[in-house]
Amino acid sequence: MKKNTHPDYDYVIFRDTSCGKDFRIRSTCKSSQTVVWEDGNTYPLVSLDISSASHPTYTGEKRQAKSEGRIAQFNKRFGNRTTKA
């Protein structure tokens, strides 16, 4: 393998900000923030908006889909209005 062609591949802590869960995995991501992990070592910290710990597909939570269509919503809002003659 040639030197200086591949990025550094080391342990990084990923924090899911929506549920507060942390993961330690190897990655090439860089971060200026650091955190002390359970083993006492300091690792770079990368914040995520969503991960497998909070995504509905992985957690098994079901989202309720909208039961009304666009026309039904319009009629619900404006269907009772009459024009003045």
N, C-alpha and C. Protein backbone atom coordinates (compact mmCIF):
# COMPACT_ATOMS: atom_id res chain seq x y z
N MET A 1 0.85 -1.17 0.00
CA MET A 1 0.00 0.00 0.00
C MET A 1 0.90 1.24 0.00
N LYS A 2 0.57 2.21 -0.84
CA LYS A 2 1.35 3.44 -0.91
C LYS A 2 1.10 4.29 0.33
N LYS A 3 2.12 4.98 0.78
CA LYS A 3 1.98 5.85 1.94
C LYS A 3 1.33 7.17 1.53
N ASN A 4 0.59 7.77 2.47
CA ASN A 4 -0.05 9.08 2.32
C ASN A 4 -1.11 9.12 1.22
N THR A 5 -1.70 8.01 0.85
CA THR A 5 -2.77 8.01 -0.14
C THR A 5 -4.13 7.75 0.49
N HIS A 6 -4.16 7.12 1.66
CA HIS A 6 -5.41 6.79 2.33
C HIS A 6 -5.58 7.61 3.59
N PRO A 7 -6.81 8.00 3.91
CA PRO A 7 -7.03 8.78 5.14
C PRO A 7 -6.85 7.89 6.38
N ASP A 8 -6.62 8.54 7.53
CA ASP A 8 -6.48 7.81 8.79
C ASP A 8 -7.80 7.13 9.13
N TYR A 9 -7.71 5.88 9.54
CA TYR A 9 -8.88 5.06 9.86
C TYR A 9 -8.73 4.64 11.31
N ASP A 10 -9.46 5.32 12.20
CA ASP A 10 -9.30 5.07 13.62
C ASP A 10 -10.67 5.16 14.30
N TYR A 11 -10.70 4.87 15.59
CA TYR A 11 -11.96 4.89 16.34
C TYR A 11 -12.49 6.31 16.50
N VAL A 12 -13.81 6.44 16.33
CA VAL A 12 -14.52 7.71 16.46
C VAL A 12 -15.80 7.42 17.22
N ILE A 13 -16.25 8.36 18.05
CA ILE A 13 -17.52 8.24 18.76
C ILE A 13 -18.58 9.00 17.97
N PHE A 14 -19.66 8.32 17.63
CA PHE A 14 -20.81 8.95 16.98
C PHE A 14 -21.92 9.08 18.01
N ARG A 15 -22.46 10.29 18.16
CA ARG A 15 -23.54 10.55 19.12
C ARG A 15 -24.81 10.91 18.36
N ASP A 16 -25.86 10.13 18.61
CA ASP A 16 -27.18 10.41 18.04
C ASP A 16 -27.84 11.47 18.92
N THR A 17 -28.01 12.69 18.39
CA THR A 17 -28.54 13.78 19.19
C THR A 17 -30.03 13.65 19.48
N SER A 18 -30.75 12.84 18.71
CA SER A 18 -32.19 12.71 18.94
C SER A 18 -32.51 11.77 20.10
N CYS A 19 -31.63 10.81 20.40
CA CYS A 19 -31.89 9.90 21.51
C CYS A 19 -30.75 9.85 22.52
N GLY A 20 -29.61 10.47 22.20
CA GLY A 20 -28.50 10.54 23.13
C GLY A 20 -27.62 9.30 23.21
N LYS A 21 -27.77 8.38 22.29
CA LYS A 21 -26.97 7.15 22.32
C LYS A 21 -25.64 7.37 21.61
N ASP A 22 -24.57 6.78 22.16
CA ASP A 22 -23.23 6.89 21.59
C ASP A 22 -22.77 5.55 21.02
N PHE A 23 -22.01 5.62 19.91
CA PHE A 23 -21.44 4.44 19.27
C PHE A 23 -19.96 4.67 19.06
N ARG A 24 -19.14 3.67 19.30
CA ARG A 24 -17.71 3.75 19.01
C ARG A 24 -17.43 2.79 17.87
N ILE A 25 -17.09 3.35 16.73
CA ILE A 25 -16.75 2.55 15.56
C ILE A 25 -15.55 3.18 14.86
N ARG A 26 -14.95 2.44 13.98
CA ARG A 26 -13.83 2.98 13.22
C ARG A 26 -14.35 3.73 12.01
N SER A 27 -13.72 4.88 11.74
CA SER A 27 -14.16 5.73 10.65
C SER A 27 -13.02 6.64 10.22
N THR A 28 -13.19 7.29 9.07
CA THR A 28 -12.23 8.28 8.61
C THR A 28 -12.71 9.69 8.90
N CYS A 29 -13.86 9.85 9.59
CA CYS A 29 -14.40 11.17 9.92
C CYS A 29 -13.47 11.90 10.88
N LYS A 30 -13.38 13.20 10.71
CA LYS A 30 -12.58 14.05 11.59
C LYS A 30 -13.51 14.99 12.35
N SER A 31 -13.11 15.38 13.55
CA SER A 31 -13.91 16.29 14.36
C SER A 31 -13.00 17.06 15.30
N SER A 32 -13.37 18.29 15.60
CA SER A 32 -12.60 19.09 16.56
C SER A 32 -13.07 18.82 17.99
N GLN A 33 -14.24 18.21 18.15
CA GLN A 33 -14.74 17.87 19.48
C GLN A 33 -14.19 16.51 19.89
N THR A 34 -13.97 16.34 21.19
CA THR A 34 -13.51 15.06 21.71
C THR A 34 -14.34 14.68 22.92
N VAL A 35 -14.31 13.39 23.25
CA VAL A 35 -15.04 12.88 24.40
C VAL A 35 -14.26 11.71 24.98
N VAL A 36 -14.36 11.53 26.30
CA VAL A 36 -13.72 10.40 26.96
C VAL A 36 -14.70 9.24 26.95
N TRP A 37 -14.26 8.10 26.40
CA TRP A 37 -15.11 6.92 26.27
C TRP A 37 -15.03 6.07 27.52
N GLU A 38 -15.82 5.02 27.60
CA GLU A 38 -15.91 4.13 28.76
C GLU A 38 -14.57 3.49 29.11
N ASP A 39 -13.69 3.31 28.12
CA ASP A 39 -12.40 2.68 28.38
C ASP A 39 -11.35 3.67 28.89
N GLY A 40 -11.72 4.94 29.04
CA GLY A 40 -10.82 5.96 29.56
C GLY A 40 -10.02 6.69 28.50
N ASN A 41 -10.12 6.29 27.26
CA ASN A 41 -9.40 6.95 26.16
C ASN A 41 -10.24 8.09 25.59
N THR A 42 -9.57 9.07 25.01
CA THR A 42 -10.23 10.21 24.39
C THR A 42 -10.33 9.97 22.88
N TYR A 43 -11.54 10.16 22.34
CA TYR A 43 -11.80 9.94 20.92
C TYR A 43 -12.48 11.16 20.33
N PRO A 44 -12.38 11.38 19.01
CA PRO A 44 -13.13 12.45 18.35
C PRO A 44 -14.63 12.15 18.44
N LEU A 45 -15.44 13.22 18.56
CA LEU A 45 -16.90 13.09 18.68
C LEU A 45 -17.57 13.68 17.45
N VAL A 46 -18.41 12.89 16.79
CA VAL A 46 -19.18 13.34 15.64
C VAL A 46 -20.65 13.23 16.00
N SER A 47 -21.40 14.33 15.86
CA SER A 47 -22.83 14.35 16.19
C SER A 47 -23.67 14.03 14.96
N LEU A 48 -24.67 13.19 15.15
CA LEU A 48 -25.60 12.79 14.08
C LEU A 48 -27.01 13.22 14.45
N ASP A 49 -27.82 13.55 13.46
CA ASP A 49 -29.23 13.86 13.71
C ASP A 49 -30.05 12.60 13.93
N ILE A 50 -29.72 11.56 13.20
CA ILE A 50 -30.48 10.32 13.31
C ILE A 50 -29.55 9.14 13.02
N SER A 51 -29.78 8.04 13.70
CA SER A 51 -28.98 6.83 13.48
C SER A 51 -29.90 5.63 13.60
N SER A 52 -29.33 4.45 13.59
CA SER A 52 -30.14 3.24 13.71
C SER A 52 -30.81 3.14 15.07
N ALA A 53 -30.33 3.87 16.07
CA ALA A 53 -30.94 3.84 17.41
C ALA A 53 -32.23 4.63 17.47
N SER A 54 -32.43 5.59 16.54
CA SER A 54 -33.63 6.41 16.60
C SER A 54 -34.46 6.38 15.32
N HIS A 55 -33.98 5.75 14.27
CA HIS A 55 -34.73 5.72 13.01
C HIS A 55 -35.88 4.71 13.12
N PRO A 56 -37.09 5.10 12.70
CA PRO A 56 -38.26 4.22 12.83
C PRO A 56 -38.13 2.87 12.12
N THR A 57 -37.38 2.82 11.04
CA THR A 57 -37.21 1.56 10.33
C THR A 57 -36.47 0.54 11.19
N TYR A 58 -35.49 0.99 11.94
CA TYR A 58 -34.68 0.09 12.75
C TYR A 58 -35.26 -0.15 14.13
N THR A 59 -36.01 0.81 14.66
CA THR A 59 -36.56 0.66 16.00
C THR A 59 -37.89 -0.08 16.01
N GLY A 60 -38.55 -0.17 14.86
CA GLY A 60 -39.82 -0.87 14.78
C GLY A 60 -41.02 0.03 15.07
N GLU A 61 -40.79 1.30 15.33
CA GLU A 61 -41.90 2.22 15.56
C GLU A 61 -42.61 2.49 14.24
N LYS A 62 -43.90 2.60 14.33
CA LYS A 62 -44.67 2.90 13.13
C LYS A 62 -45.16 4.33 13.20
N ARG A 63 -45.03 5.02 12.11
CA ARG A 63 -45.56 6.38 12.02
C ARG A 63 -46.94 6.30 11.42
N GLN A 64 -47.82 7.12 11.94
CA GLN A 64 -49.18 7.13 11.42
C GLN A 64 -49.21 7.99 10.16
N ALA A 65 -49.62 7.39 9.09
CA ALA A 65 -49.71 8.11 7.83
C ALA A 65 -50.95 9.00 7.84
N LYS A 66 -50.89 10.05 7.04
CA LYS A 66 -52.06 10.94 6.94
C LYS A 66 -53.20 10.17 6.29
N SER A 67 -54.34 10.21 6.94
CA SER A 67 -55.48 9.46 6.42
C SER A 67 -56.28 10.28 5.42
N GLU A 68 -56.11 11.58 5.46
CA GLU A 68 -56.87 12.43 4.54
C GLU A 68 -56.01 12.83 3.35
N GLY A 69 -56.65 12.93 2.20
CA GLY A 69 -55.95 13.38 1.01
C GLY A 69 -55.95 14.90 0.94
N ARG A 70 -55.32 15.43 -0.07
CA ARG A 70 -55.21 16.88 -0.23
C ARG A 70 -56.57 17.53 -0.46
N ILE A 71 -57.42 16.90 -1.27
CA ILE A 71 -58.74 17.47 -1.55
C ILE A 71 -59.62 17.45 -0.30
N ALA A 72 -59.53 16.37 0.47
CA ALA A 72 -60.31 16.29 1.70
C ALA A 72 -59.86 17.34 2.71
N GLN A 73 -58.57 17.61 2.76
CA GLN A 73 -58.07 18.66 3.66
C GLN A 73 -58.58 20.03 3.21
N PHE A 74 -58.58 20.27 1.90
CA PHE A 74 -59.08 21.54 1.38
C PHE A 74 -60.56 21.72 1.70
N ASN A 75 -61.35 20.68 1.45
CA ASN A 75 -62.79 20.76 1.74
C ASN A 75 -63.05 20.92 3.22
N LYS A 76 -62.24 20.35 4.05
CA LYS A 76 -62.39 20.48 5.49
C LYS A 76 -62.15 21.93 5.92
N ARG A 77 -61.17 22.58 5.30
CA ARG A 77 -60.87 23.96 5.64
C ARG A 77 -61.83 24.96 5.02
N PHE A 78 -62.12 24.81 3.73
CA PHE A 78 -62.84 25.82 2.99
C PHE A 78 -64.18 25.36 2.44
N GLY A 79 -64.62 24.15 2.72
CA GLY A 79 -65.84 23.63 2.14
C GLY A 79 -67.11 24.30 2.63
N ASN A 80 -67.12 24.83 3.83
CA ASN A 80 -68.33 25.44 4.39
C ASN A 80 -68.51 26.91 4.01
N ARG A 81 -67.56 27.48 3.34
CA ARG A 81 -67.64 28.90 2.97
C ARG A 81 -68.54 29.07 1.75
N THR A 82 -69.31 30.11 1.77
CA THR A 82 -70.16 30.43 0.62
C THR A 82 -69.79 31.81 0.12
N THR A 83 -69.99 32.05 -1.15
CA THR A 83 -69.68 33.36 -1.72
C THR A 83 -70.86 34.27 -1.52
N LYS A 84 -70.57 35.56 -1.34
CA LYS A 84 -71.65 36.54 -1.18
C LYS A 84 -72.12 36.98 -2.56
N ALA A 85 -73.41 37.07 -2.72
CA ALA A 85 -73.98 37.43 -4.01
C ALA A 85 -74.16 38.92 -4.15
